[in-house]
Amino acid sequence: MTDPYNSTGSSLHSTNSRNRLNDQMITTALELPGYRVIRNLGLVRGLVVRSRSVVGNFVGGIQTLFGGNITIYTELCERARSDTYREMFRHAEMMGANGIVAVRYDATELMAGLTEVLCYGTAVIVEPLDA
């Protein structure tokens, strides 16, 4: 499985420019070490609603009989988290952010078999401390 949180080389993310958002400028912390926030752009988020197919639920049910990691659900969760992260990233890019702080995930079961996954944070413009 590829790392869904490292998009180096992706056309969506720029890792070479200090003025563009990239994965290294996204954190769960309230600040980015070595940078100062010069402008708060507000909340950014990514949201997906997922469900597992009848066949997927059947396979997941079989896996629960043997215990351990239920891989079919793990893959579904990882895909949902990755998708919400990318959506949050796009939202921040549209706002002109070059950083996102205080990133969090949340999940809510809307009904049996239907889950909302949310990734959110605060879009900011930062500059290096030595600038």
N, C-alpha and C. Protein backbone atom coordinates (compact mmCIF):
# COMPACT_ATOMS: atom_id res chain seq x y z
N MET A 1 0.84 -1.17 0.00
CA MET A 1 0.00 0.00 0.00
C MET A 1 0.89 1.24 0.00
N THR A 2 0.57 2.21 -0.84
CA THR A 2 1.35 3.44 -0.87
C THR A 2 0.95 4.32 0.31
N ASP A 3 1.81 5.25 0.65
CA ASP A 3 1.55 6.17 1.75
C ASP A 3 0.58 7.25 1.29
N PRO A 4 -0.66 7.27 1.79
CA PRO A 4 -1.65 8.24 1.31
C PRO A 4 -1.36 9.66 1.77
N TYR A 5 -0.46 9.83 2.72
CA TYR A 5 -0.19 11.15 3.26
C TYR A 5 1.07 11.78 2.71
N ASN A 6 1.77 11.07 1.86
CA ASN A 6 2.96 11.61 1.24
C ASN A 6 2.72 11.67 -0.25
N SER A 7 2.48 12.84 -0.75
CA SER A 7 2.14 12.99 -2.16
C SER A 7 3.29 13.58 -2.96
N THR A 8 4.51 13.37 -2.52
CA THR A 8 5.68 13.86 -3.23
C THR A 8 5.64 13.35 -4.67
N GLY A 9 5.85 14.26 -5.59
CA GLY A 9 5.82 13.89 -7.00
C GLY A 9 4.45 14.03 -7.62
N SER A 10 3.44 14.27 -6.82
CA SER A 10 2.10 14.45 -7.34
C SER A 10 1.97 15.80 -8.02
N SER A 11 1.19 15.87 -9.08
CA SER A 11 0.98 17.15 -9.74
C SER A 11 0.11 18.06 -8.88
N LEU A 12 -0.63 17.50 -7.94
CA LEU A 12 -1.47 18.30 -7.06
C LEU A 12 -0.65 19.06 -6.05
N HIS A 13 0.44 18.49 -5.58
CA HIS A 13 1.24 19.07 -4.52
C HIS A 13 2.55 19.58 -5.07
N SER A 14 2.98 20.70 -4.56
CA SER A 14 4.29 21.23 -4.93
C SER A 14 5.21 21.09 -3.73
N THR A 15 6.35 20.43 -3.90
CA THR A 15 7.27 20.28 -2.78
C THR A 15 8.51 21.13 -2.95
N ASN A 16 8.61 21.88 -4.05
CA ASN A 16 9.81 22.65 -4.31
C ASN A 16 9.68 24.13 -3.94
N SER A 17 8.50 24.65 -3.88
CA SER A 17 8.31 26.07 -3.67
C SER A 17 7.94 26.38 -2.23
N ARG A 18 8.58 27.42 -1.66
CA ARG A 18 8.25 27.83 -0.30
C ARG A 18 6.89 28.52 -0.26
N ASN A 19 6.41 29.01 -1.38
CA ASN A 19 5.17 29.76 -1.42
C ASN A 19 3.95 28.89 -1.69
N ARG A 20 4.14 27.61 -1.92
CA ARG A 20 3.03 26.73 -2.24
C ARG A 20 2.86 25.70 -1.15
N LEU A 21 1.63 25.27 -0.98
CA LEU A 21 1.30 24.26 0.01
C LEU A 21 1.91 22.92 -0.38
N ASN A 22 2.48 22.22 0.59
CA ASN A 22 2.96 20.86 0.37
C ASN A 22 2.75 20.07 1.66
N ASP A 23 2.91 18.77 1.59
CA ASP A 23 2.62 17.88 2.72
C ASP A 23 3.44 18.20 3.96
N GLN A 24 4.65 18.72 3.79
CA GLN A 24 5.48 19.04 4.95
C GLN A 24 4.97 20.27 5.71
N MET A 25 4.05 21.02 5.10
CA MET A 25 3.51 22.22 5.72
C MET A 25 2.11 21.98 6.30
N ILE A 26 1.80 20.72 6.56
CA ILE A 26 0.52 20.34 7.15
C ILE A 26 0.81 19.59 8.44
N THR A 27 0.17 20.02 9.54
CA THR A 27 0.49 19.44 10.84
C THR A 27 -0.72 19.40 11.76
N THR A 28 -0.68 18.48 12.70
CA THR A 28 -1.70 18.44 13.75
C THR A 28 -1.36 19.43 14.86
N ALA A 29 -0.13 19.95 14.87
CA ALA A 29 0.29 20.92 15.88
C ALA A 29 -0.38 22.28 15.61
N LEU A 30 -0.26 23.18 16.56
CA LEU A 30 -0.87 24.50 16.42
C LEU A 30 0.05 25.49 15.71
N GLU A 31 1.29 25.07 15.44
CA GLU A 31 2.22 25.91 14.71
C GLU A 31 3.19 25.04 13.93
N LEU A 32 3.85 25.64 12.96
CA LEU A 32 4.86 24.94 12.17
C LEU A 32 6.23 25.38 12.66
N PRO A 33 7.05 24.47 13.19
CA PRO A 33 8.38 24.85 13.67
C PRO A 33 9.19 25.52 12.57
N GLY A 34 9.82 26.65 12.92
CA GLY A 34 10.63 27.38 11.97
C GLY A 34 9.85 28.39 11.15
N TYR A 35 8.55 28.49 11.38
CA TYR A 35 7.71 29.41 10.62
C TYR A 35 6.83 30.21 11.56
N ARG A 36 6.41 31.38 11.09
CA ARG A 36 5.43 32.16 11.85
C ARG A 36 4.20 32.35 10.97
N VAL A 37 3.05 32.25 11.60
CA VAL A 37 1.80 32.47 10.89
C VAL A 37 1.64 33.98 10.70
N ILE A 38 1.48 34.40 9.45
CA ILE A 38 1.28 35.82 9.20
C ILE A 38 -0.17 36.14 8.82
N ARG A 39 -0.93 35.07 8.48
CA ARG A 39 -2.34 35.28 8.15
C ARG A 39 -3.11 33.99 8.35
N ASN A 40 -4.24 34.09 9.01
CA ASN A 40 -5.14 32.96 9.21
C ASN A 40 -6.23 33.07 8.16
N LEU A 41 -6.36 32.05 7.31
CA LEU A 41 -7.35 32.08 6.22
C LEU A 41 -8.66 31.40 6.59
N GLY A 42 -8.66 30.66 7.69
CA GLY A 42 -9.90 30.03 8.15
C GLY A 42 -9.91 28.52 7.98
N LEU A 43 -11.05 27.96 8.29
CA LEU A 43 -11.26 26.52 8.29
C LEU A 43 -11.24 25.95 6.89
N VAL A 44 -10.56 24.81 6.74
CA VAL A 44 -10.60 24.03 5.50
C VAL A 44 -10.99 22.61 5.86
N ARG A 45 -11.67 21.92 4.93
CA ARG A 45 -12.11 20.57 5.26
C ARG A 45 -12.25 19.73 4.01
N GLY A 46 -12.23 18.44 4.26
CA GLY A 46 -12.53 17.44 3.25
C GLY A 46 -13.51 16.47 3.86
N LEU A 47 -14.49 16.05 3.09
CA LEU A 47 -15.55 15.20 3.61
C LEU A 47 -15.89 14.11 2.61
N VAL A 48 -16.02 12.88 3.09
CA VAL A 48 -16.52 11.78 2.27
C VAL A 48 -17.51 10.97 3.11
N VAL A 49 -18.43 10.34 2.43
CA VAL A 49 -19.35 9.40 3.06
C VAL A 49 -19.12 8.07 2.36
N ARG A 50 -18.84 7.04 3.14
CA ARG A 50 -18.48 5.73 2.58
C ARG A 50 -19.41 4.64 3.11
N SER A 51 -19.55 3.63 2.28
CA SER A 51 -20.22 2.40 2.71
C SER A 51 -19.50 1.23 2.06
N ARG A 52 -19.62 0.08 2.66
CA ARG A 52 -19.03 -1.14 2.12
C ARG A 52 -20.14 -1.87 1.37
N SER A 53 -19.81 -2.48 0.26
CA SER A 53 -20.79 -3.23 -0.53
C SER A 53 -21.25 -4.48 0.23
N VAL A 54 -22.31 -5.10 -0.25
CA VAL A 54 -22.81 -6.33 0.35
C VAL A 54 -21.72 -7.41 0.32
N VAL A 55 -21.01 -7.51 -0.80
CA VAL A 55 -19.92 -8.50 -0.91
C VAL A 55 -18.81 -8.16 0.09
N GLY A 56 -18.46 -6.86 0.20
CA GLY A 56 -17.44 -6.44 1.15
C GLY A 56 -17.84 -6.74 2.58
N ASN A 57 -19.11 -6.53 2.91
CA ASN A 57 -19.59 -6.85 4.25
C ASN A 57 -19.53 -8.35 4.51
N PHE A 58 -19.82 -9.14 3.51
CA PHE A 58 -19.75 -10.59 3.66
C PHE A 58 -18.31 -11.03 3.93
N VAL A 59 -17.37 -10.50 3.11
CA VAL A 59 -15.95 -10.85 3.30
C VAL A 59 -15.48 -10.37 4.67
N GLY A 60 -15.88 -9.15 5.07
CA GLY A 60 -15.51 -8.64 6.38
C GLY A 60 -16.06 -9.51 7.49
N GLY A 61 -17.30 -9.99 7.32
CA GLY A 61 -17.90 -10.88 8.31
C GLY A 61 -17.13 -12.19 8.44
N ILE A 62 -16.68 -12.72 7.32
CA ILE A 62 -15.88 -13.95 7.34
C ILE A 62 -14.56 -13.69 8.08
N GLN A 63 -13.92 -12.53 7.79
CA GLN A 63 -12.65 -12.22 8.45
C GLN A 63 -12.82 -12.08 9.96
N THR A 64 -13.97 -11.59 10.42
CA THR A 64 -14.17 -11.44 11.87
C THR A 64 -14.21 -12.78 12.58
N LEU A 65 -14.57 -13.83 11.86
CA LEU A 65 -14.59 -15.17 12.46
C LEU A 65 -13.20 -15.63 12.89
N PHE A 66 -12.18 -15.13 12.18
CA PHE A 66 -10.81 -15.54 12.45
C PHE A 66 -10.05 -14.54 13.33
N GLY A 67 -10.65 -13.38 13.58
CA GLY A 67 -10.02 -12.37 14.43
C GLY A 67 -8.90 -11.64 13.72
N GLY A 68 -8.23 -10.77 14.43
CA GLY A 68 -7.12 -10.01 13.88
C GLY A 68 -7.59 -8.80 13.09
N ASN A 69 -6.70 -8.32 12.24
CA ASN A 69 -6.98 -7.14 11.42
C ASN A 69 -7.99 -7.48 10.34
N ILE A 70 -9.07 -6.75 10.29
CA ILE A 70 -10.09 -6.96 9.26
C ILE A 70 -9.69 -6.09 8.07
N THR A 71 -8.88 -6.65 7.19
CA THR A 71 -8.21 -5.87 6.15
C THR A 71 -9.15 -5.16 5.20
N ILE A 72 -10.28 -5.73 4.90
CA ILE A 72 -11.19 -5.08 3.96
C ILE A 72 -11.72 -3.77 4.54
N TYR A 73 -11.93 -3.73 5.85
CA TYR A 73 -12.38 -2.49 6.50
C TYR A 73 -11.21 -1.53 6.73
N THR A 74 -10.03 -2.07 7.00
CA THR A 74 -8.85 -1.22 7.15
C THR A 74 -8.60 -0.46 5.85
N GLU A 75 -8.67 -1.15 4.73
CA GLU A 75 -8.46 -0.50 3.43
C GLU A 75 -9.52 0.56 3.16
N LEU A 76 -10.77 0.28 3.52
CA LEU A 76 -11.84 1.25 3.34
C LEU A 76 -11.57 2.50 4.18
N CYS A 77 -11.16 2.33 5.42
CA CYS A 77 -10.86 3.46 6.30
C CYS A 77 -9.68 4.27 5.79
N GLU A 78 -8.62 3.59 5.37
CA GLU A 78 -7.45 4.30 4.84
C GLU A 78 -7.81 5.09 3.59
N ARG A 79 -8.60 4.51 2.72
CA ARG A 79 -9.02 5.21 1.50
C ARG A 79 -9.86 6.44 1.84
N ALA A 80 -10.76 6.31 2.80
CA ALA A 80 -11.60 7.44 3.21
C ALA A 80 -10.74 8.55 3.82
N ARG A 81 -9.79 8.20 4.67
CA ARG A 81 -8.91 9.21 5.28
C ARG A 81 -8.05 9.90 4.22
N SER A 82 -7.52 9.13 3.29
CA SER A 82 -6.71 9.69 2.23
C SER A 82 -7.52 10.65 1.36
N ASP A 83 -8.74 10.26 1.01
CA ASP A 83 -9.60 11.11 0.19
C ASP A 83 -9.95 12.41 0.90
N THR A 84 -10.25 12.34 2.20
CA THR A 84 -10.61 13.56 2.92
C THR A 84 -9.39 14.47 3.07
N TYR A 85 -8.21 13.89 3.28
CA TYR A 85 -6.97 14.67 3.36
C TYR A 85 -6.75 15.43 2.05
N ARG A 86 -6.88 14.74 0.93
CA ARG A 86 -6.69 15.39 -0.38
C ARG A 86 -7.72 16.50 -0.61
N GLU A 87 -8.96 16.26 -0.20
CA GLU A 87 -9.99 17.30 -0.36
C GLU A 87 -9.68 18.51 0.51
N MET A 88 -9.21 18.30 1.74
CA MET A 88 -8.82 19.41 2.60
C MET A 88 -7.67 20.17 1.96
N PHE A 89 -6.69 19.44 1.42
CA PHE A 89 -5.54 20.05 0.75
C PHE A 89 -6.02 20.95 -0.39
N ARG A 90 -6.91 20.43 -1.24
CA ARG A 90 -7.42 21.21 -2.37
C ARG A 90 -8.14 22.47 -1.90
N HIS A 91 -8.93 22.33 -0.84
CA HIS A 91 -9.65 23.47 -0.29
C HIS A 91 -8.66 24.56 0.15
N ALA A 92 -7.59 24.16 0.85
CA ALA A 92 -6.58 25.11 1.31
C ALA A 92 -5.86 25.76 0.12
N GLU A 93 -5.56 24.97 -0.90
CA GLU A 93 -4.91 25.52 -2.10
C GLU A 93 -5.78 26.57 -2.75
N MET A 94 -7.08 26.30 -2.83
CA MET A 94 -8.01 27.27 -3.44
C MET A 94 -8.04 28.58 -2.66
N MET A 95 -7.80 28.51 -1.36
CA MET A 95 -7.79 29.70 -0.52
C MET A 95 -6.45 30.43 -0.56
N GLY A 96 -5.44 29.82 -1.17
CA GLY A 96 -4.12 30.43 -1.27
C GLY A 96 -3.21 30.15 -0.09
N ALA A 97 -3.52 29.14 0.71
CA ALA A 97 -2.72 28.81 1.89
C ALA A 97 -1.40 28.15 1.49
N ASN A 98 -0.38 28.35 2.32
CA ASN A 98 0.86 27.59 2.14
C ASN A 98 1.14 26.73 3.37
N GLY A 99 0.14 26.61 4.26
CA GLY A 99 0.24 25.74 5.42
C GLY A 99 -1.14 25.43 5.98
N ILE A 100 -1.24 24.32 6.70
CA ILE A 100 -2.47 23.97 7.42
C ILE A 100 -2.05 23.50 8.79
N VAL A 101 -2.61 24.09 9.84
CA VAL A 101 -2.30 23.71 11.21
C VAL A 101 -3.55 23.15 11.87
N ALA A 102 -3.33 22.48 13.00
CA ALA A 102 -4.42 21.92 13.82
C ALA A 102 -5.30 20.94 13.04
N VAL A 103 -4.68 20.09 12.24
CA VAL A 103 -5.43 19.12 11.43
C VAL A 103 -5.98 18.02 12.33
N ARG A 104 -7.23 17.66 12.08
CA ARG A 104 -7.91 16.61 12.83
C ARG A 104 -8.76 15.78 11.88
N TYR A 105 -9.08 14.56 12.33
CA TYR A 105 -10.02 13.69 11.64
C TYR A 105 -11.20 13.43 12.56
N ASP A 106 -12.36 13.20 11.96
CA ASP A 106 -13.54 12.83 12.73
C ASP A 106 -14.35 11.87 11.86
N ALA A 107 -15.04 10.96 12.50
CA ALA A 107 -15.89 10.02 11.77
C ALA A 107 -17.20 9.87 12.53
N THR A 108 -18.29 9.79 11.78
CA THR A 108 -19.61 9.64 12.36
C THR A 108 -20.38 8.60 11.58
N GLU A 109 -20.98 7.67 12.28
CA GLU A 109 -21.84 6.69 11.61
C GLU A 109 -23.19 7.34 11.37
N LEU A 110 -23.54 7.53 10.10
CA LEU A 110 -24.80 8.17 9.75
C LEU A 110 -25.97 7.20 9.90
N MET A 111 -25.72 5.95 9.53
CA MET A 111 -26.68 4.86 9.68
C MET A 111 -25.88 3.57 9.56
N ALA A 112 -26.49 2.46 9.81
CA ALA A 112 -25.76 1.19 9.75
C ALA A 112 -25.08 1.03 8.39
N GLY A 113 -23.75 0.90 8.41
CA GLY A 113 -22.99 0.68 7.19
C GLY A 113 -22.65 1.94 6.41
N LEU A 114 -23.00 3.12 6.93
CA LEU A 114 -22.74 4.37 6.22
C LEU A 114 -22.02 5.33 7.16
N THR A 115 -20.77 5.69 6.83
CA THR A 115 -19.94 6.50 7.71
C THR A 115 -19.45 7.75 7.00
N GLU A 116 -19.54 8.87 7.71
CA GLU A 116 -18.99 10.14 7.24
C GLU A 116 -17.59 10.28 7.84
N VAL A 117 -16.62 10.64 7.01
CA VAL A 117 -15.26 10.89 7.48
C VAL A 117 -14.91 12.33 7.11
N LEU A 118 -14.39 13.06 8.10
CA LEU A 118 -14.08 14.47 7.93
C LEU A 118 -12.62 14.72 8.31
N CYS A 119 -11.92 15.47 7.50
CA CYS A 119 -10.57 15.93 7.82
C CYS A 119 -10.62 17.45 7.76
N TYR A 120 -10.16 18.11 8.82
CA TYR A 120 -10.26 19.57 8.85
C TYR A 120 -9.06 20.19 9.57
N GLY A 121 -8.84 21.45 9.30
CA GLY A 121 -7.76 22.18 9.92
C GLY A 121 -7.91 23.66 9.63
N THR A 122 -6.89 24.42 10.00
CA THR A 122 -6.90 25.87 9.77
C THR A 122 -5.88 26.21 8.69
N ALA A 123 -6.36 26.80 7.61
CA ALA A 123 -5.48 27.23 6.51
C ALA A 123 -4.77 28.51 6.94
N VAL A 124 -3.46 28.55 6.69
CA VAL A 124 -2.67 29.71 7.09
C VAL A 124 -1.67 30.07 6.00
N ILE A 125 -1.19 31.29 6.10
CA ILE A 125 -0.04 31.70 5.31
C ILE A 125 1.09 31.89 6.32
N VAL A 126 2.21 31.23 6.06
CA VAL A 126 3.35 31.29 6.97
C VAL A 126 4.58 31.81 6.21
N GLU A 127 5.53 32.29 7.00
CA GLU A 127 6.82 32.68 6.44
C GLU A 127 7.90 32.15 7.36
N PRO A 128 9.08 31.87 6.83
CA PRO A 128 10.17 31.37 7.68
C PRO A 128 10.52 32.40 8.76
N LEU A 129 10.91 31.92 9.91
CA LEU A 129 11.28 32.81 11.02
C LEU A 129 12.46 33.71 10.66
N ASP A 130 13.36 33.23 9.81
CA ASP A 130 14.53 34.02 9.45
C ASP A 130 14.26 35.06 8.39
N ALA A 131 13.01 35.16 7.93
CA ALA A 131 12.67 36.14 6.87
C ALA A 131 12.42 37.52 7.46
